[in-house]
């Protein structure tokens, strides 16, 4: 059983969208529960919009994320936690203290890279109480043809976190799927490229567990 926390330190990085799609991919591998520890409760809103019984189950974990991890870890293959967009928040700290893996989405921009430094600091703290936690930084909403995206490789080399080989590109398929209460894995041929990215990233995450 693996507990995976989606962690960020800046809004707009696509954390919840990535969390929902990873959870949906993990559900195809085994029993999966999404714990929404973000006070905005966007994952819960997505599940309510869907109104379908075949999607990943989402539980409100804003008030008691660690208790819910303890209650559910023996009943599921994967628990995935949608944390607030602040590494210093209480919910994020509690999630990191009980997670096996921290997945950190970051946009290809200097401001987002600088914000990830705070996540590094919180991971250092988390290792004092949870020494086995592993981390994976994921470049999200990449636009390969831009100069900024081409410079990302050098910029990421300055961050002391492992980086996923799979980068998630900026695609309308992600936004459209969320608005329809879906993941890109069940959004049809229009989302096939996005679905393949999510499958590849999921494989990388699972290998860490």
N, C-alpha and C. Protein backbone atom coordinates (compact mmCIF):
# COMPACT_ATOMS: atom_id res chain seq x y z
N UNK A 1 0.84 -1.17 0.00
CA UNK A 1 0.00 0.00 0.00
C UNK A 1 0.89 1.24 0.00
N UNK A 2 0.54 2.22 -0.81
CA UNK A 2 1.32 3.45 -0.92
C UNK A 2 0.45 4.66 -0.64
N UNK A 3 1.03 5.62 0.11
CA UNK A 3 0.37 6.91 0.35
C UNK A 3 1.14 7.96 -0.43
N UNK A 4 0.45 8.66 -1.33
CA UNK A 4 1.09 9.60 -2.25
C UNK A 4 0.48 10.98 -2.03
N UNK A 5 1.30 11.95 -1.69
CA UNK A 5 0.83 13.32 -1.47
C UNK A 5 1.18 14.20 -2.65
N UNK A 6 0.21 14.94 -3.17
CA UNK A 6 0.45 15.94 -4.21
C UNK A 6 0.65 17.28 -3.52
N UNK A 7 1.87 17.82 -3.63
CA UNK A 7 2.29 18.96 -2.83
C UNK A 7 2.72 20.10 -3.72
N UNK A 8 2.36 21.32 -3.37
CA UNK A 8 2.82 22.50 -4.09
C UNK A 8 2.94 23.68 -3.17
N UNK A 9 3.58 24.74 -3.65
CA UNK A 9 3.71 25.94 -2.83
C UNK A 9 3.26 27.17 -3.58
N UNK A 10 2.44 26.97 -4.60
CA UNK A 10 1.95 28.09 -5.39
C UNK A 10 0.70 27.65 -6.13
N UNK A 11 -0.34 28.46 -6.06
CA UNK A 11 -1.56 28.14 -6.76
C UNK A 11 -1.38 28.19 -8.27
N UNK A 12 -2.24 27.49 -8.98
CA UNK A 12 -2.21 27.54 -10.44
C UNK A 12 -1.25 26.59 -11.10
N UNK A 13 -0.64 25.69 -10.31
CA UNK A 13 0.33 24.75 -10.88
C UNK A 13 -0.33 23.50 -11.43
N UNK A 14 -1.66 23.42 -11.33
CA UNK A 14 -2.36 22.25 -11.85
C UNK A 14 -2.29 21.05 -10.93
N UNK A 15 -2.09 21.30 -9.63
CA UNK A 15 -1.92 20.22 -8.66
C UNK A 15 -3.14 19.32 -8.58
N UNK A 16 -4.32 19.90 -8.45
CA UNK A 16 -5.53 19.09 -8.29
C UNK A 16 -5.86 18.32 -9.57
N UNK A 17 -5.69 18.95 -10.71
CA UNK A 17 -5.93 18.25 -11.98
C UNK A 17 -5.00 17.06 -12.11
N UNK A 18 -3.73 17.24 -11.77
CA UNK A 18 -2.79 16.13 -11.83
C UNK A 18 -3.15 15.06 -10.81
N UNK A 19 -3.57 15.48 -9.62
CA UNK A 19 -3.95 14.53 -8.57
C UNK A 19 -5.13 13.66 -9.02
N UNK A 20 -6.14 14.27 -9.59
CA UNK A 20 -7.32 13.53 -10.05
C UNK A 20 -6.94 12.52 -11.13
N UNK A 21 -6.10 12.94 -12.05
CA UNK A 21 -5.72 12.04 -13.14
C UNK A 21 -4.81 10.92 -12.67
N UNK A 22 -3.88 11.21 -11.76
CA UNK A 22 -3.06 10.15 -11.19
C UNK A 22 -3.91 9.15 -10.41
N UNK A 23 -4.84 9.67 -9.62
CA UNK A 23 -5.72 8.80 -8.84
C UNK A 23 -6.54 7.90 -9.76
N UNK A 24 -7.00 8.46 -10.87
CA UNK A 24 -7.79 7.68 -11.82
C UNK A 24 -6.95 6.59 -12.47
N UNK A 25 -5.67 6.90 -12.75
CA UNK A 25 -4.78 5.89 -13.32
C UNK A 25 -4.44 4.81 -12.29
N UNK A 26 -4.24 5.22 -11.04
CA UNK A 26 -3.94 4.25 -9.99
C UNK A 26 -5.12 3.32 -9.74
N UNK A 27 -6.34 3.83 -9.91
CA UNK A 27 -7.54 3.02 -9.71
C UNK A 27 -7.56 1.83 -10.66
N UNK A 28 -6.95 1.99 -11.81
CA UNK A 28 -6.89 0.89 -12.78
C UNK A 28 -5.89 -0.18 -12.35
N UNK A 29 -5.07 0.14 -11.38
CA UNK A 29 -4.08 -0.81 -10.87
C UNK A 29 -4.54 -1.50 -9.59
N UNK A 30 -5.42 -0.83 -8.85
CA UNK A 30 -5.87 -1.39 -7.59
C UNK A 30 -6.76 -0.40 -6.86
N UNK A 31 -7.31 -0.81 -5.73
CA UNK A 31 -8.22 0.02 -4.95
C UNK A 31 -7.54 1.33 -4.56
N UNK A 32 -8.19 2.44 -4.88
CA UNK A 32 -7.59 3.77 -4.69
C UNK A 32 -8.60 4.71 -4.04
N UNK A 33 -8.12 5.51 -3.09
CA UNK A 33 -8.95 6.51 -2.41
C UNK A 33 -8.23 7.85 -2.49
N UNK A 34 -8.96 8.90 -2.89
CA UNK A 34 -8.41 10.24 -2.95
C UNK A 34 -8.86 11.00 -1.71
N UNK A 35 -7.90 11.48 -0.93
CA UNK A 35 -8.18 12.27 0.26
C UNK A 35 -7.98 13.74 -0.07
N UNK A 36 -9.05 14.52 -0.04
CA UNK A 36 -8.97 15.94 -0.38
C UNK A 36 -8.68 16.74 0.89
N UNK A 37 -7.39 17.13 1.06
CA UNK A 37 -6.98 17.90 2.23
C UNK A 37 -6.83 19.38 1.92
N UNK A 38 -7.21 19.79 0.73
CA UNK A 38 -7.15 21.19 0.32
C UNK A 38 -8.45 21.89 0.73
N UNK A 39 -8.38 22.97 1.53
CA UNK A 39 -9.61 23.65 1.95
C UNK A 39 -10.50 24.11 0.80
N UNK A 40 -9.95 24.25 -0.41
CA UNK A 40 -10.78 24.62 -1.55
C UNK A 40 -11.69 23.46 -1.98
N UNK A 41 -11.30 22.24 -1.60
CA UNK A 41 -12.09 21.03 -1.87
C UNK A 41 -12.44 20.85 -3.35
N UNK A 42 -11.49 21.15 -4.22
CA UNK A 42 -11.74 21.04 -5.66
C UNK A 42 -11.91 19.60 -6.12
N UNK A 43 -11.18 18.67 -5.49
CA UNK A 43 -11.34 17.26 -5.87
C UNK A 43 -12.74 16.76 -5.54
N UNK A 44 -13.26 17.19 -4.39
CA UNK A 44 -14.62 16.81 -4.01
C UNK A 44 -15.62 17.39 -5.00
N UNK A 45 -15.41 18.65 -5.41
CA UNK A 45 -16.31 19.28 -6.37
C UNK A 45 -16.30 18.52 -7.70
N UNK A 46 -15.11 18.09 -8.12
CA UNK A 46 -15.01 17.31 -9.36
C UNK A 46 -15.82 16.02 -9.24
N UNK A 47 -15.70 15.34 -8.11
CA UNK A 47 -16.42 14.07 -7.92
C UNK A 47 -17.92 14.31 -7.89
N UNK A 48 -18.35 15.41 -7.30
CA UNK A 48 -19.78 15.74 -7.25
C UNK A 48 -20.32 16.04 -8.65
N UNK A 49 -19.51 16.73 -9.46
CA UNK A 49 -19.92 17.03 -10.83
C UNK A 49 -20.11 15.75 -11.62
N UNK A 50 -19.20 14.81 -11.40
CA UNK A 50 -19.23 13.56 -12.17
C UNK A 50 -20.51 12.79 -11.94
N UNK A 51 -20.89 12.62 -10.67
CA UNK A 51 -22.11 11.89 -10.35
C UNK A 51 -22.12 10.46 -10.85
N UNK A 52 -20.92 9.86 -10.95
CA UNK A 52 -20.81 8.49 -11.46
C UNK A 52 -20.17 7.60 -10.40
N UNK A 53 -20.57 6.35 -10.39
CA UNK A 53 -20.05 5.43 -9.38
C UNK A 53 -18.77 4.72 -9.75
N UNK A 54 -18.32 4.88 -11.02
CA UNK A 54 -17.15 4.13 -11.46
C UNK A 54 -15.85 4.93 -11.36
N UNK A 55 -15.91 6.15 -10.82
CA UNK A 55 -14.70 6.97 -10.67
C UNK A 55 -14.09 6.78 -9.29
N UNK A 56 -12.88 7.28 -9.12
CA UNK A 56 -12.20 7.15 -7.85
C UNK A 56 -13.01 7.85 -6.75
N UNK A 57 -13.07 7.21 -5.60
CA UNK A 57 -13.80 7.80 -4.46
C UNK A 57 -12.97 8.93 -3.86
N UNK A 58 -13.65 10.02 -3.48
CA UNK A 58 -12.99 11.18 -2.89
C UNK A 58 -13.59 11.43 -1.52
N UNK A 59 -12.72 11.65 -0.51
CA UNK A 59 -13.16 11.87 0.86
C UNK A 59 -12.60 13.20 1.35
N UNK A 60 -13.41 13.94 2.08
CA UNK A 60 -12.98 15.20 2.68
C UNK A 60 -11.99 14.91 3.81
N UNK A 61 -10.75 15.41 3.64
CA UNK A 61 -9.70 15.15 4.63
C UNK A 61 -9.09 16.45 5.17
N UNK A 62 -9.81 17.54 5.04
CA UNK A 62 -9.26 18.84 5.46
C UNK A 62 -9.01 18.87 6.97
N UNK A 63 -9.88 18.24 7.73
CA UNK A 63 -9.77 18.33 9.18
C UNK A 63 -8.94 17.21 9.82
N UNK A 64 -8.81 16.07 9.14
CA UNK A 64 -8.23 14.91 9.84
C UNK A 64 -7.50 13.99 8.86
N UNK A 65 -6.57 14.54 8.09
CA UNK A 65 -5.92 13.76 7.05
C UNK A 65 -5.16 12.55 7.61
N UNK A 66 -4.45 12.72 8.71
CA UNK A 66 -3.69 11.59 9.26
C UNK A 66 -4.60 10.49 9.79
N UNK A 67 -5.71 10.87 10.42
CA UNK A 67 -6.64 9.87 10.92
C UNK A 67 -7.24 9.08 9.76
N UNK A 68 -7.55 9.75 8.66
CA UNK A 68 -8.12 9.06 7.51
C UNK A 68 -7.10 8.15 6.84
N UNK A 69 -5.84 8.56 6.85
CA UNK A 69 -4.80 7.66 6.32
C UNK A 69 -4.73 6.40 7.16
N UNK A 70 -4.73 6.55 8.48
CA UNK A 70 -4.67 5.38 9.37
C UNK A 70 -5.88 4.47 9.16
N UNK A 71 -7.07 5.07 9.00
CA UNK A 71 -8.29 4.28 8.87
C UNK A 71 -8.36 3.50 7.55
N UNK A 72 -7.73 4.05 6.51
CA UNK A 72 -7.95 3.49 5.17
C UNK A 72 -6.74 2.80 4.55
N UNK A 73 -5.58 2.92 5.17
CA UNK A 73 -4.38 2.41 4.50
C UNK A 73 -4.39 0.89 4.33
N UNK A 74 -5.07 0.17 5.21
CA UNK A 74 -5.11 -1.29 5.08
C UNK A 74 -6.21 -1.77 4.13
N UNK A 75 -7.07 -0.85 3.69
CA UNK A 75 -8.20 -1.23 2.85
C UNK A 75 -8.02 -0.87 1.38
N UNK A 76 -6.90 -0.22 1.05
CA UNK A 76 -6.68 0.24 -0.32
C UNK A 76 -5.24 -0.01 -0.74
N UNK A 77 -5.06 -0.16 -2.03
CA UNK A 77 -3.71 -0.27 -2.58
C UNK A 77 -3.01 1.08 -2.61
N UNK A 78 -3.79 2.13 -2.86
CA UNK A 78 -3.22 3.47 -2.96
C UNK A 78 -4.12 4.49 -2.27
N UNK A 79 -3.49 5.36 -1.49
CA UNK A 79 -4.14 6.57 -0.99
C UNK A 79 -3.41 7.74 -1.61
N UNK A 80 -4.13 8.66 -2.20
CA UNK A 80 -3.51 9.83 -2.81
C UNK A 80 -4.12 11.08 -2.17
N UNK A 81 -3.27 11.99 -1.72
CA UNK A 81 -3.71 13.15 -0.95
C UNK A 81 -3.54 14.42 -1.77
N UNK A 82 -4.62 15.16 -1.94
CA UNK A 82 -4.57 16.47 -2.60
C UNK A 82 -4.34 17.51 -1.51
N UNK A 83 -3.10 18.02 -1.42
CA UNK A 83 -2.73 18.96 -0.37
C UNK A 83 -3.04 20.40 -0.78
N UNK A 84 -3.08 21.33 0.18
CA UNK A 84 -3.26 22.74 -0.16
C UNK A 84 -2.07 23.27 -0.96
N UNK A 85 -2.25 24.40 -1.67
CA UNK A 85 -1.15 24.97 -2.45
C UNK A 85 -0.19 25.78 -1.57
N UNK A 86 0.19 25.22 -0.45
CA UNK A 86 1.14 25.85 0.47
C UNK A 86 1.89 24.76 1.22
N UNK A 87 3.20 24.75 1.07
CA UNK A 87 3.99 23.72 1.73
C UNK A 87 4.00 23.89 3.24
N UNK A 88 3.71 25.13 3.70
CA UNK A 88 3.75 25.40 5.13
C UNK A 88 2.41 25.17 5.83
N UNK A 89 1.38 24.80 5.09
CA UNK A 89 0.07 24.61 5.71
C UNK A 89 0.08 23.39 6.63
N UNK A 90 -0.80 23.42 7.62
CA UNK A 90 -0.87 22.30 8.56
C UNK A 90 -1.24 21.00 7.85
N UNK A 91 -2.18 21.08 6.90
CA UNK A 91 -2.60 19.87 6.20
C UNK A 91 -1.45 19.25 5.40
N UNK A 92 -0.64 20.11 4.76
CA UNK A 92 0.48 19.59 3.98
C UNK A 92 1.50 18.93 4.89
N UNK A 93 1.82 19.56 5.99
CA UNK A 93 2.79 18.99 6.93
C UNK A 93 2.31 17.64 7.47
N UNK A 94 1.04 17.57 7.83
CA UNK A 94 0.49 16.32 8.34
C UNK A 94 0.51 15.24 7.26
N UNK A 95 0.22 15.64 6.03
CA UNK A 95 0.22 14.67 4.92
C UNK A 95 1.63 14.16 4.66
N UNK A 96 2.61 15.04 4.65
CA UNK A 96 3.99 14.63 4.41
C UNK A 96 4.49 13.70 5.52
N UNK A 97 4.01 13.93 6.72
CA UNK A 97 4.47 13.10 7.85
C UNK A 97 4.00 11.66 7.75
N UNK A 98 2.97 11.39 6.94
CA UNK A 98 2.44 10.02 6.86
C UNK A 98 2.42 9.47 5.43
N UNK A 99 3.12 10.13 4.52
CA UNK A 99 3.12 9.70 3.12
C UNK A 99 4.40 8.95 2.77
N UNK A 100 4.28 8.09 1.78
CA UNK A 100 5.44 7.38 1.25
C UNK A 100 6.13 8.18 0.15
N UNK A 101 5.33 8.92 -0.61
CA UNK A 101 5.84 9.65 -1.78
C UNK A 101 5.22 11.04 -1.82
N UNK A 102 6.03 12.04 -2.12
CA UNK A 102 5.54 13.40 -2.37
C UNK A 102 5.74 13.71 -3.85
N UNK A 103 4.67 13.98 -4.56
CA UNK A 103 4.73 14.37 -5.96
C UNK A 103 4.52 15.88 -6.02
N UNK A 104 5.46 16.59 -6.65
CA UNK A 104 5.47 18.05 -6.61
C UNK A 104 5.36 18.59 -8.03
N UNK A 105 4.17 19.00 -8.47
CA UNK A 105 4.05 19.61 -9.80
C UNK A 105 4.58 21.04 -9.79
N UNK A 106 5.30 21.41 -10.84
CA UNK A 106 5.85 22.76 -10.93
C UNK A 106 5.71 23.25 -12.37
N UNK A 107 5.28 24.49 -12.52
CA UNK A 107 5.17 25.07 -13.85
C UNK A 107 6.55 25.48 -14.35
N UNK A 108 6.74 25.50 -15.68
CA UNK A 108 8.03 25.91 -16.23
C UNK A 108 8.20 27.43 -16.20
N UNK A 109 8.33 27.97 -15.01
CA UNK A 109 8.52 29.41 -14.85
C UNK A 109 9.43 29.66 -13.65
N UNK A 110 10.21 30.75 -13.66
CA UNK A 110 11.10 31.04 -12.54
C UNK A 110 10.37 31.15 -11.20
N UNK A 111 9.21 31.79 -11.18
CA UNK A 111 8.48 31.96 -9.91
C UNK A 111 8.11 30.62 -9.31
N UNK A 112 7.68 29.69 -10.15
CA UNK A 112 7.29 28.38 -9.64
C UNK A 112 8.49 27.57 -9.19
N UNK A 113 9.59 27.70 -9.90
CA UNK A 113 10.81 27.02 -9.47
C UNK A 113 11.29 27.55 -8.13
N UNK A 114 11.23 28.86 -7.96
CA UNK A 114 11.63 29.44 -6.67
C UNK A 114 10.70 28.97 -5.56
N UNK A 115 9.41 28.87 -5.86
CA UNK A 115 8.46 28.41 -4.85
C UNK A 115 8.74 26.98 -4.42
N UNK A 116 9.31 26.18 -5.32
CA UNK A 116 9.60 24.79 -4.98
C UNK A 116 10.69 24.67 -3.94
N UNK A 117 11.49 25.72 -3.75
CA UNK A 117 12.51 25.71 -2.70
C UNK A 117 11.87 25.52 -1.34
N UNK A 118 10.71 26.13 -1.13
CA UNK A 118 10.00 25.98 0.15
C UNK A 118 9.53 24.53 0.34
N UNK A 119 9.17 23.88 -0.76
CA UNK A 119 8.78 22.48 -0.66
C UNK A 119 9.97 21.64 -0.24
N UNK A 120 11.14 21.94 -0.79
CA UNK A 120 12.36 21.24 -0.37
C UNK A 120 12.58 21.37 1.13
N UNK A 121 12.37 22.57 1.64
CA UNK A 121 12.57 22.81 3.08
C UNK A 121 11.59 22.01 3.91
N UNK A 122 10.34 21.93 3.46
CA UNK A 122 9.35 21.16 4.20
C UNK A 122 9.64 19.66 4.13
N UNK A 123 10.17 19.22 3.00
CA UNK A 123 10.55 17.82 2.88
C UNK A 123 11.68 17.48 3.86
N UNK A 124 12.61 18.41 4.04
CA UNK A 124 13.67 18.19 5.02
C UNK A 124 13.08 18.02 6.42
N UNK A 125 12.09 18.85 6.73
CA UNK A 125 11.43 18.72 8.03
C UNK A 125 10.69 17.38 8.10
N UNK A 126 9.98 17.02 7.02
CA UNK A 126 9.20 15.78 7.02
C UNK A 126 10.10 14.57 7.26
N UNK A 127 11.30 14.61 6.73
CA UNK A 127 12.21 13.47 6.90
C UNK A 127 12.67 13.30 8.35
N UNK A 128 12.52 14.33 9.15
CA UNK A 128 12.87 14.19 10.56
C UNK A 128 11.86 13.31 11.30
N UNK A 129 10.64 13.24 10.78
CA UNK A 129 9.60 12.40 11.40
C UNK A 129 9.20 11.23 10.50
N UNK A 130 9.57 11.31 9.24
CA UNK A 130 9.20 10.30 8.25
C UNK A 130 10.40 10.10 7.31
N UNK A 131 11.46 9.47 7.81
CA UNK A 131 12.72 9.42 7.06
C UNK A 131 12.66 8.69 5.73
N UNK A 132 11.66 7.87 5.50
CA UNK A 132 11.61 7.08 4.26
C UNK A 132 10.83 7.74 3.13
N UNK A 133 10.31 8.94 3.35
CA UNK A 133 9.52 9.59 2.30
C UNK A 133 10.39 9.88 1.09
N UNK A 134 9.83 9.63 -0.10
CA UNK A 134 10.53 9.90 -1.34
C UNK A 134 9.80 11.01 -2.09
N UNK A 135 10.52 11.72 -2.95
CA UNK A 135 9.95 12.88 -3.64
C UNK A 135 10.18 12.78 -5.14
N UNK A 136 9.26 13.36 -5.90
CA UNK A 136 9.38 13.40 -7.36
C UNK A 136 8.78 14.71 -7.86
N UNK A 137 9.62 15.53 -8.47
CA UNK A 137 9.15 16.79 -9.05
C UNK A 137 8.67 16.54 -10.47
N UNK A 138 7.52 17.09 -10.83
CA UNK A 138 6.91 16.87 -12.14
C UNK A 138 6.72 18.21 -12.84
N UNK A 139 7.32 18.37 -14.00
CA UNK A 139 7.09 19.57 -14.80
C UNK A 139 5.69 19.48 -15.39
N UNK A 140 4.88 20.47 -15.08
CA UNK A 140 3.47 20.44 -15.48
C UNK A 140 3.16 21.60 -16.41
N UNK A 141 2.22 21.38 -17.32
CA UNK A 141 1.78 22.39 -18.28
C UNK A 141 2.93 22.90 -19.14
N UNK A 142 3.76 21.97 -19.59
CA UNK A 142 4.92 22.30 -20.42
C UNK A 142 4.49 22.69 -21.83
N UNK A 143 5.11 23.72 -22.36
CA UNK A 143 4.93 24.13 -23.75
C UNK A 143 6.29 24.00 -24.42
N UNK A 144 6.56 22.86 -25.08
CA UNK A 144 7.91 22.54 -25.53
C UNK A 144 8.55 23.56 -26.46
N UNK A 145 7.75 24.30 -27.21
CA UNK A 145 8.32 25.20 -28.21
C UNK A 145 8.76 26.55 -27.64
N UNK A 146 8.47 26.81 -26.38
CA UNK A 146 8.85 28.09 -25.81
C UNK A 146 10.29 28.05 -25.30
N UNK A 147 10.94 29.21 -25.31
CA UNK A 147 12.32 29.30 -24.85
C UNK A 147 12.42 28.95 -23.37
N UNK A 148 11.43 29.38 -22.59
CA UNK A 148 11.43 29.12 -21.16
C UNK A 148 11.42 27.62 -20.87
N UNK A 149 10.61 26.89 -21.62
CA UNK A 149 10.55 25.45 -21.41
C UNK A 149 11.87 24.78 -21.77
N UNK A 150 12.53 25.30 -22.81
CA UNK A 150 13.82 24.73 -23.20
C UNK A 150 14.89 24.97 -22.13
N UNK A 151 14.73 26.01 -21.35
CA UNK A 151 15.70 26.33 -20.30
C UNK A 151 15.42 25.57 -19.00
N UNK A 152 14.31 24.86 -18.95
CA UNK A 152 13.92 24.18 -17.71
C UNK A 152 14.95 23.16 -17.26
N UNK A 153 15.57 22.46 -18.20
CA UNK A 153 16.51 21.41 -17.82
C UNK A 153 17.63 21.98 -16.96
N UNK A 154 18.20 23.10 -17.38
CA UNK A 154 19.28 23.71 -16.61
C UNK A 154 18.77 24.23 -15.26
N UNK A 155 17.59 24.80 -15.26
CA UNK A 155 17.04 25.35 -14.01
C UNK A 155 16.76 24.25 -13.00
N UNK A 156 16.24 23.13 -13.47
CA UNK A 156 15.90 22.03 -12.56
C UNK A 156 17.15 21.40 -11.95
N UNK A 157 18.27 21.52 -12.65
CA UNK A 157 19.51 20.93 -12.14
C UNK A 157 19.95 21.61 -10.84
N UNK A 158 19.43 22.82 -10.59
CA UNK A 158 19.80 23.55 -9.38
C UNK A 158 18.92 23.16 -8.18
N UNK A 159 17.91 22.34 -8.41
CA UNK A 159 17.00 21.92 -7.35
C UNK A 159 17.38 20.51 -6.91
N UNK A 160 17.49 20.33 -5.62
CA UNK A 160 17.95 19.03 -5.08
C UNK A 160 16.80 18.05 -4.93
N UNK A 161 16.01 17.90 -5.97
CA UNK A 161 14.92 16.93 -5.97
C UNK A 161 14.96 16.14 -7.27
N UNK A 162 14.67 14.85 -7.23
CA UNK A 162 14.59 14.08 -8.47
C UNK A 162 13.43 14.56 -9.33
N UNK A 163 13.65 14.56 -10.64
CA UNK A 163 12.65 15.07 -11.59
C UNK A 163 12.13 13.91 -12.43
N UNK A 164 10.82 13.85 -12.60
CA UNK A 164 10.21 12.79 -13.41
C UNK A 164 10.65 12.92 -14.86
N UNK A 165 10.87 11.78 -15.51
CA UNK A 165 11.20 11.80 -16.94
C UNK A 165 10.01 12.27 -17.76
N UNK A 166 8.81 11.98 -17.26
CA UNK A 166 7.59 12.37 -17.96
C UNK A 166 7.19 13.79 -17.59
N UNK A 167 7.13 14.67 -18.58
CA UNK A 167 6.60 16.02 -18.37
C UNK A 167 5.16 16.05 -18.88
N UNK A 168 4.33 16.78 -18.15
CA UNK A 168 2.92 16.89 -18.54
C UNK A 168 2.75 18.18 -19.35
N UNK A 169 2.29 18.05 -20.57
CA UNK A 169 2.16 19.21 -21.44
C UNK A 169 0.86 19.98 -21.18
N UNK A 170 0.87 21.23 -21.58
CA UNK A 170 -0.34 22.04 -21.50
C UNK A 170 -1.29 21.59 -22.61
N UNK A 171 -2.40 21.00 -22.23
CA UNK A 171 -3.37 20.49 -23.19
C UNK A 171 -4.78 20.84 -22.73
N UNK A 172 -5.62 21.22 -23.67
CA UNK A 172 -7.02 21.49 -23.35
C UNK A 172 -7.73 20.24 -22.85
N UNK A 173 -7.22 19.07 -23.21
CA UNK A 173 -7.87 17.81 -22.82
C UNK A 173 -7.99 17.70 -21.30
N UNK A 174 -7.00 18.19 -20.57
CA UNK A 174 -7.06 18.11 -19.10
C UNK A 174 -8.20 18.96 -18.56
N UNK A 175 -8.29 20.19 -19.04
CA UNK A 175 -9.34 21.09 -18.55
C UNK A 175 -10.72 20.57 -18.95
N UNK A 176 -10.85 20.12 -20.19
CA UNK A 176 -12.15 19.64 -20.66
C UNK A 176 -12.62 18.42 -19.86
N UNK A 177 -11.68 17.51 -19.56
CA UNK A 177 -12.05 16.31 -18.81
C UNK A 177 -12.55 16.66 -17.41
N UNK A 178 -11.86 17.58 -16.74
CA UNK A 178 -12.27 17.98 -15.40
C UNK A 178 -13.66 18.61 -15.43
N UNK A 179 -13.91 19.48 -16.41
CA UNK A 179 -15.21 20.14 -16.51
C UNK A 179 -16.34 19.15 -16.76
N UNK A 180 -16.00 18.01 -17.37
CA UNK A 180 -17.00 16.97 -17.66
C UNK A 180 -17.10 15.93 -16.55
N UNK A 181 -16.35 16.13 -15.46
CA UNK A 181 -16.36 15.15 -14.38
C UNK A 181 -15.68 13.86 -14.78
N UNK A 182 -14.61 13.96 -15.57
CA UNK A 182 -13.89 12.79 -16.03
C UNK A 182 -12.40 12.95 -15.71
N UNK A 183 -11.64 11.90 -15.99
CA UNK A 183 -10.19 12.00 -16.11
C UNK A 183 -9.87 11.88 -17.59
N UNK A 184 -8.63 12.18 -17.96
CA UNK A 184 -8.28 12.06 -19.38
C UNK A 184 -8.25 10.60 -19.82
N UNK A 185 -8.21 9.68 -18.86
CA UNK A 185 -8.17 8.26 -19.22
C UNK A 185 -9.52 7.76 -19.73
N UNK A 186 -10.59 8.47 -19.41
CA UNK A 186 -11.90 8.04 -19.91
C UNK A 186 -12.58 9.15 -20.70
N UNK A 187 -11.74 9.99 -21.36
CA UNK A 187 -12.28 11.10 -22.15
C UNK A 187 -12.20 10.85 -23.65
N UNK A 188 -11.89 9.63 -24.04
CA UNK A 188 -11.92 9.28 -25.45
C UNK A 188 -10.66 9.65 -26.23
N UNK A 189 -10.75 9.52 -27.54
CA UNK A 189 -9.59 9.70 -28.41
C UNK A 189 -9.04 11.12 -28.39
N UNK A 190 -9.88 12.10 -28.11
CA UNK A 190 -9.42 13.48 -28.07
C UNK A 190 -8.40 13.72 -26.96
N UNK A 191 -8.39 12.83 -25.97
CA UNK A 191 -7.47 12.98 -24.84
C UNK A 191 -6.42 11.88 -24.81
N UNK A 192 -6.22 11.21 -25.94
CA UNK A 192 -5.33 10.04 -25.94
C UNK A 192 -3.88 10.41 -25.61
N UNK A 193 -3.40 11.55 -26.11
CA UNK A 193 -2.02 11.95 -25.81
C UNK A 193 -1.86 12.28 -24.32
N UNK A 194 -2.85 12.97 -23.77
CA UNK A 194 -2.82 13.28 -22.34
C UNK A 194 -2.89 12.01 -21.51
N UNK A 195 -3.72 11.07 -21.91
CA UNK A 195 -3.85 9.81 -21.18
C UNK A 195 -2.54 9.05 -21.17
N UNK A 196 -1.82 9.07 -22.28
CA UNK A 196 -0.54 8.37 -22.35
C UNK A 196 0.48 9.01 -21.41
N UNK A 197 0.47 10.34 -21.33
CA UNK A 197 1.36 11.03 -20.38
C UNK A 197 1.08 10.60 -18.94
N UNK A 198 -0.19 10.56 -18.60
CA UNK A 198 -0.57 10.19 -17.23
C UNK A 198 -0.18 8.75 -16.94
N UNK A 199 -0.35 7.86 -17.89
CA UNK A 199 0.05 6.46 -17.69
C UNK A 199 1.55 6.36 -17.45
N UNK A 200 2.33 7.09 -18.23
CA UNK A 200 3.78 7.05 -18.09
C UNK A 200 4.22 7.62 -16.74
N UNK A 201 3.61 8.74 -16.33
CA UNK A 201 3.94 9.32 -15.04
C UNK A 201 3.54 8.40 -13.90
N UNK A 202 2.38 7.78 -14.02
CA UNK A 202 1.92 6.84 -12.99
C UNK A 202 2.91 5.70 -12.83
N UNK A 203 3.45 5.21 -13.92
CA UNK A 203 4.45 4.15 -13.87
C UNK A 203 5.68 4.61 -13.08
N UNK A 204 6.10 5.85 -13.29
CA UNK A 204 7.24 6.37 -12.54
C UNK A 204 6.94 6.47 -11.05
N UNK A 205 5.75 6.93 -10.73
CA UNK A 205 5.37 7.07 -9.32
C UNK A 205 5.29 5.71 -8.64
N UNK A 206 4.67 4.75 -9.30
CA UNK A 206 4.53 3.42 -8.73
C UNK A 206 5.89 2.77 -8.47
N UNK A 207 6.84 3.02 -9.35
CA UNK A 207 8.18 2.45 -9.17
C UNK A 207 8.88 2.97 -7.92
N UNK A 208 8.46 4.14 -7.44
CA UNK A 208 9.03 4.68 -6.22
C UNK A 208 8.49 4.00 -4.98
N UNK A 209 7.34 3.37 -5.10
CA UNK A 209 6.67 2.80 -3.91
C UNK A 209 7.23 1.45 -3.54
